[in-house]
Structure formats: structure tokens, C-alpha cells
Amino acid sequence: MTLREFIFESNVIEGITRMPTAAEQRAYLKFLALDKITIGDLREFVAVCEPGAALRNHVGMNVHVGKHRCPAGGPSIAKELWLLLSFNFYGASPFGIHTRYERLHPFTDCNGR
């Protein structure tokens, strides 16, 4: 599977059926090459892949996904995201890490990518 196909498939899961842009492809390449991910890295990636989506670090920035009620927006979101990114996940399953990220749903959109 090529990167372009991977991004297309990821976008389709989010309901986006157009082909990925060159900027999205560059953002994915840059993101996938990171040794360690920071909140700034995530913000940069989200800004390209979902312009307008924001880190839910202010009170009132609440979202829900289907029946799941994500934690309320506010400063605790950034703290929980920092803990998730800082934790040593040696031996942890990628699915478990992804599930924790999805449950936190730190951004207003683009979390699945």
C-alpha cells in the first residue's frame, strides 16, 4: 500500500472521499518520521489534515463521538495528552495506545487520523 492509498483509506474512515493533497502527504511523511511526538507535532499535523480543528484545552470545548462522551474540554485535556505522549510505552500494544488517545479525543476533529 502506498502512502497516498493509506491516507485515502484513513480519510474515508473519517468520511472524506477525496484524494489526499500534497500537503497532507508531506504532513504524514513528517509525522511518521518522528522519533518522539509532542503536542506541537500533533497540532501541526492536525492543522494540515483538518484545518480549523483545535486542541480542546479550553472549558466548553466538549465533543462526543457516537455514544461516547469524551472528557470535558479544558486544561486537563492538554495535561492528559502530554501524559499519554510522555509515557514509556515499551511493550504496550499500539491498539491500546490508540484507544486511549481516541477516548481522550484531544482535538475537536481529526483524532482518527
C-alpha atoms as a PDB file:
ATOM      1  CA  MET A   1       0.000   0.000   0.000  1.00  0.00           C
ATOM      2  CA  THR A   2       1.366   3.407  -0.922  1.00  0.00           C
ATOM      3  CA  LEU A   3       1.297   6.400   1.417  1.00  0.00           C
ATOM      4  CA  ARG A   4      -1.323   8.017  -0.799  1.00  0.00           C
ATOM      5  CA  GLU A   5      -3.549   4.930  -0.548  1.00  0.00           C
ATOM      6  CA  PHE A   6      -3.021   4.798   3.231  1.00  0.00           C
ATOM      7  CA  ILE A   7      -4.053   8.443   3.637  1.00  0.00           C
ATOM      8  CA  PHE A   8      -7.040   7.953   1.336  1.00  0.00           C
ATOM      9  CA  GLU A   9      -8.210   4.976   3.405  1.00  0.00           C
ATOM     10  CA  SER A  10      -7.683   6.899   6.643  1.00  0.00           C
ATOM     11  CA  ASN A  11      -9.658   9.830   5.251  1.00  0.00           C
ATOM     12  CA  VAL A  12     -12.519   7.572   4.099  1.00  0.00           C
ATOM     13  CA  ILE A  13     -12.897   6.324   7.682  1.00  0.00           C
ATOM     14  CA  GLU A  14     -13.421   9.983   8.626  1.00  0.00           C
ATOM     15  CA  GLY A  15     -15.958  10.469   5.792  1.00  0.00           C
ATOM     16  CA  ILE A  16     -13.544  12.270   3.445  1.00  0.00           C
ATOM     17  CA  THR A  17     -13.658  10.681  -0.008  1.00  0.00           C
ATOM     18  CA  ARG A  18     -11.326  12.953  -1.996  1.00  0.00           C
ATOM     19  CA  MET A  19      -7.741  12.017  -2.797  1.00  0.00           C
ATOM     20  CA  PRO A  20      -5.144  13.321  -0.296  1.00  0.00           C
ATOM     21  CA  THR A  21      -3.500  16.641  -1.031  1.00  0.00           C
ATOM     22  CA  ALA A  22       0.251  17.070  -1.465  1.00  0.00           C
ATOM     23  CA  ALA A  23       0.303  19.000   1.841  1.00  0.00           C
ATOM     24  CA  GLU A  24      -1.375  16.089   3.634  1.00  0.00           C
ATOM     25  CA  GLN A  25       1.135  13.656   2.177  1.00  0.00           C
ATOM     26  CA  ARG A  26       4.030  15.835   3.351  1.00  0.00           C
ATOM     27  CA  ALA A  27       2.443  16.146   6.813  1.00  0.00           C
ATOM     28  CA  TYR A  28       2.079  12.365   7.092  1.00  0.00           C
ATOM     29  CA  LEU A  29       5.680  11.772   5.995  1.00  0.00           C
ATOM     30  CA  LYS A  30       6.964  14.285   8.519  1.00  0.00           C
ATOM     31  CA  PHE A  31       4.773  12.881  11.291  1.00  0.00           C
ATOM     32  CA  LEU A  32       5.641   9.246  10.597  1.00  0.00           C
ATOM     33  CA  ALA A  33       9.367  10.097  10.696  1.00  0.00           C
ATOM     34  CA  LEU A  34       9.192  11.481  14.250  1.00  0.00           C
ATOM     35  CA  ASP A  35      11.069   9.606  16.954  1.00  0.00           C
ATOM     36  CA  LYS A  36       9.004  11.270  19.670  1.00  0.00           C
ATOM     37  CA  ILE A  37       5.674  13.040  19.278  1.00  0.00           C
ATOM     38  CA  THR A  38       4.874  16.290  21.075  1.00  0.00           C
ATOM     39  CA  ILE A  39       1.618  18.198  21.412  1.00  0.00           C
ATOM     40  CA  GLY A  40       3.103  20.744  18.998  1.00  0.00           C
ATOM     41  CA  ASP A  41       3.723  17.988  16.444  1.00  0.00           C
ATOM     42  CA  LEU A  42       0.108  16.865  16.743  1.00  0.00           C
ATOM     43  CA  ARG A  43      -1.170  20.434  16.412  1.00  0.00           C
ATOM     44  CA  GLU A  44       0.908  20.924  13.267  1.00  0.00           C
ATOM     45  CA  PHE A  45      -0.355  17.655  11.757  1.00  0.00           C
ATOM     46  CA  VAL A  46      -3.988  18.407  12.600  1.00  0.00           C
ATOM     47  CA  ALA A  47      -3.710  21.940  11.163  1.00  0.00           C
ATOM     48  CA  VAL A  48      -2.830  20.448   7.774  1.00  0.00           C
ATOM     49  CA  CYS A  49      -5.205  17.476   7.795  1.00  0.00           C
ATOM     50  CA  GLU A  50      -8.202  19.206   9.387  1.00  0.00           C
ATOM     51  CA  PRO A  51      -7.878  23.000   9.171  1.00  0.00           C
ATOM     52  CA  GLY A  52      -9.854  24.645  11.936  1.00  0.00           C
ATOM     53  CA  ALA A  53      -9.693  21.707  14.338  1.00  0.00           C
ATOM     54  CA  ALA A  54      -8.296  22.731  17.709  1.00  0.00           C
ATOM     55  CA  LEU A  55      -6.875  21.197  20.848  1.00  0.00           C
ATOM     56  CA  ARG A  56      -9.765  21.058  23.320  1.00  0.00           C
ATOM     57  CA  ASN A  57      -7.800  22.816  26.059  1.00  0.00           C
ATOM     58  CA  HIS A  58     -10.447  25.403  26.955  1.00  0.00           C
ATOM     59  CA  VAL A  59     -13.520  24.897  29.117  1.00  0.00           C
ATOM     60  CA  GLY A  60     -16.576  24.323  26.964  1.00  0.00           C
ATOM     61  CA  MET A  61     -14.722  22.638  24.094  1.00  0.00           C
ATOM     62  CA  ASN A  62     -16.731  19.455  24.567  1.00  0.00           C
ATOM     63  CA  VAL A  63     -17.325  16.759  21.964  1.00  0.00           C
ATOM     64  CA  HIS A  64     -18.922  13.356  21.796  1.00  0.00           C
ATOM     65  CA  VAL A  65     -18.377  10.550  19.338  1.00  0.00           C
ATOM     66  CA  GLY A  66     -21.433   8.419  18.841  1.00  0.00           C
ATOM     67  CA  LYS A  67     -22.483   7.309  22.311  1.00  0.00           C
ATOM     68  CA  HIS A  68     -19.023   8.011  23.804  1.00  0.00           C
ATOM     69  CA  ARG A  69     -18.831  11.112  25.964  1.00  0.00           C
ATOM     70  CA  CYS A  70     -15.277  12.371  25.793  1.00  0.00           C
ATOM     71  CA  PRO A  71     -13.749  14.098  28.826  1.00  0.00           C
ATOM     72  CA  ALA A  72     -14.863  17.710  29.119  1.00  0.00           C
ATOM     73  CA  GLY A  73     -12.732  20.272  27.334  1.00  0.00           C
ATOM     74  CA  GLY A  74     -10.324  22.275  29.456  1.00  0.00           C
ATOM     75  CA  PRO A  75      -6.720  22.371  30.651  1.00  0.00           C
ATOM     76  CA  SER A  76      -6.913  18.720  31.737  1.00  0.00           C
ATOM     77  CA  ILE A  77      -7.068  17.647  28.063  1.00  0.00           C
ATOM     78  CA  ALA A  78      -3.588  19.031  27.338  1.00  0.00           C
ATOM     79  CA  LYS A  79      -2.290  17.506  30.575  1.00  0.00           C
ATOM     80  CA  GLU A  80      -3.718  14.063  29.745  1.00  0.00           C
ATOM     81  CA  LEU A  81      -2.370  14.289  26.196  1.00  0.00           C
ATOM     82  CA  TRP A  82       1.066  15.245  27.499  1.00  0.00           C
ATOM     83  CA  LEU A  83       0.985  12.250  29.867  1.00  0.00           C
ATOM     84  CA  LEU A  84      -0.048   9.964  27.013  1.00  0.00           C
ATOM     85  CA  LEU A  85       2.785  11.227  24.804  1.00  0.00           C
ATOM     86  CA  SER A  86       5.344  11.185  27.622  1.00  0.00           C
ATOM     87  CA  PHE A  87       4.603   7.722  28.946  1.00  0.00           C
ATOM     88  CA  ASN A  88       7.091   4.961  28.184  1.00  0.00           C
ATOM     89  CA  PHE A  89       5.000   2.517  26.163  1.00  0.00           C
ATOM     90  CA  TYR A  90       7.605  -0.215  25.918  1.00  0.00           C
ATOM     91  CA  GLY A  91       5.605  -3.392  25.428  1.00  0.00           C
ATOM     92  CA  ALA A  92       2.255  -1.592  25.156  1.00  0.00           C
ATOM     93  CA  SER A  93       0.072  -2.508  22.215  1.00  0.00           C
ATOM     94  CA  PRO A  94      -0.417   0.133  19.513  1.00  0.00           C
ATOM     95  CA  PHE A  95      -4.148  -0.603  19.719  1.00  0.00           C
ATOM     96  CA  GLY A  96      -4.164   0.173  23.450  1.00  0.00           C
ATOM     97  CA  ILE A  97      -2.350   3.458  22.944  1.00  0.00           C
ATOM     98  CA  HIS A  98      -4.647   4.406  20.063  1.00  0.00           C
ATOM     99  CA  THR A  99      -7.730   3.522  22.112  1.00  0.00           C
ATOM    100  CA  ARG A 100      -6.553   5.733  24.975  1.00  0.00           C
ATOM    101  CA  TYR A 101      -5.949   8.602  22.532  1.00  0.00           C
ATOM    102  CA  GLU A 102      -9.356   8.140  20.893  1.00  0.00           C
ATOM    103  CA  ARG A 103     -11.150   8.094  24.251  1.00  0.00           C
ATOM    104  CA  LEU A 104      -9.431  11.336  25.219  1.00  0.00           C
ATOM    105  CA  HIS A 105     -10.327  12.830  21.810  1.00  0.00           C
ATOM    106  CA  PRO A 106      -7.981  15.782  22.397  1.00  0.00           C
ATOM    107  CA  PHE A 107      -8.866  17.690  19.218  1.00  0.00           C
ATOM    108  CA  THR A 108     -12.226  18.935  18.005  1.00  0.00           C
ATOM    109  CA  ASP A 109     -11.707  16.847  14.863  1.00  0.00           C
ATOM    110  CA  CYS A 110      -9.029  14.754  13.071  1.00  0.00           C
ATOM    111  CA  ASN A 111      -8.415  12.401  16.011  1.00  0.00           C
ATOM    112  CA  GLY A 112      -8.824   9.219  13.989  1.00  0.00           C
ATOM    113  CA  ARG A 113      -6.030  10.087  11.629  1.00  0.00           C
END
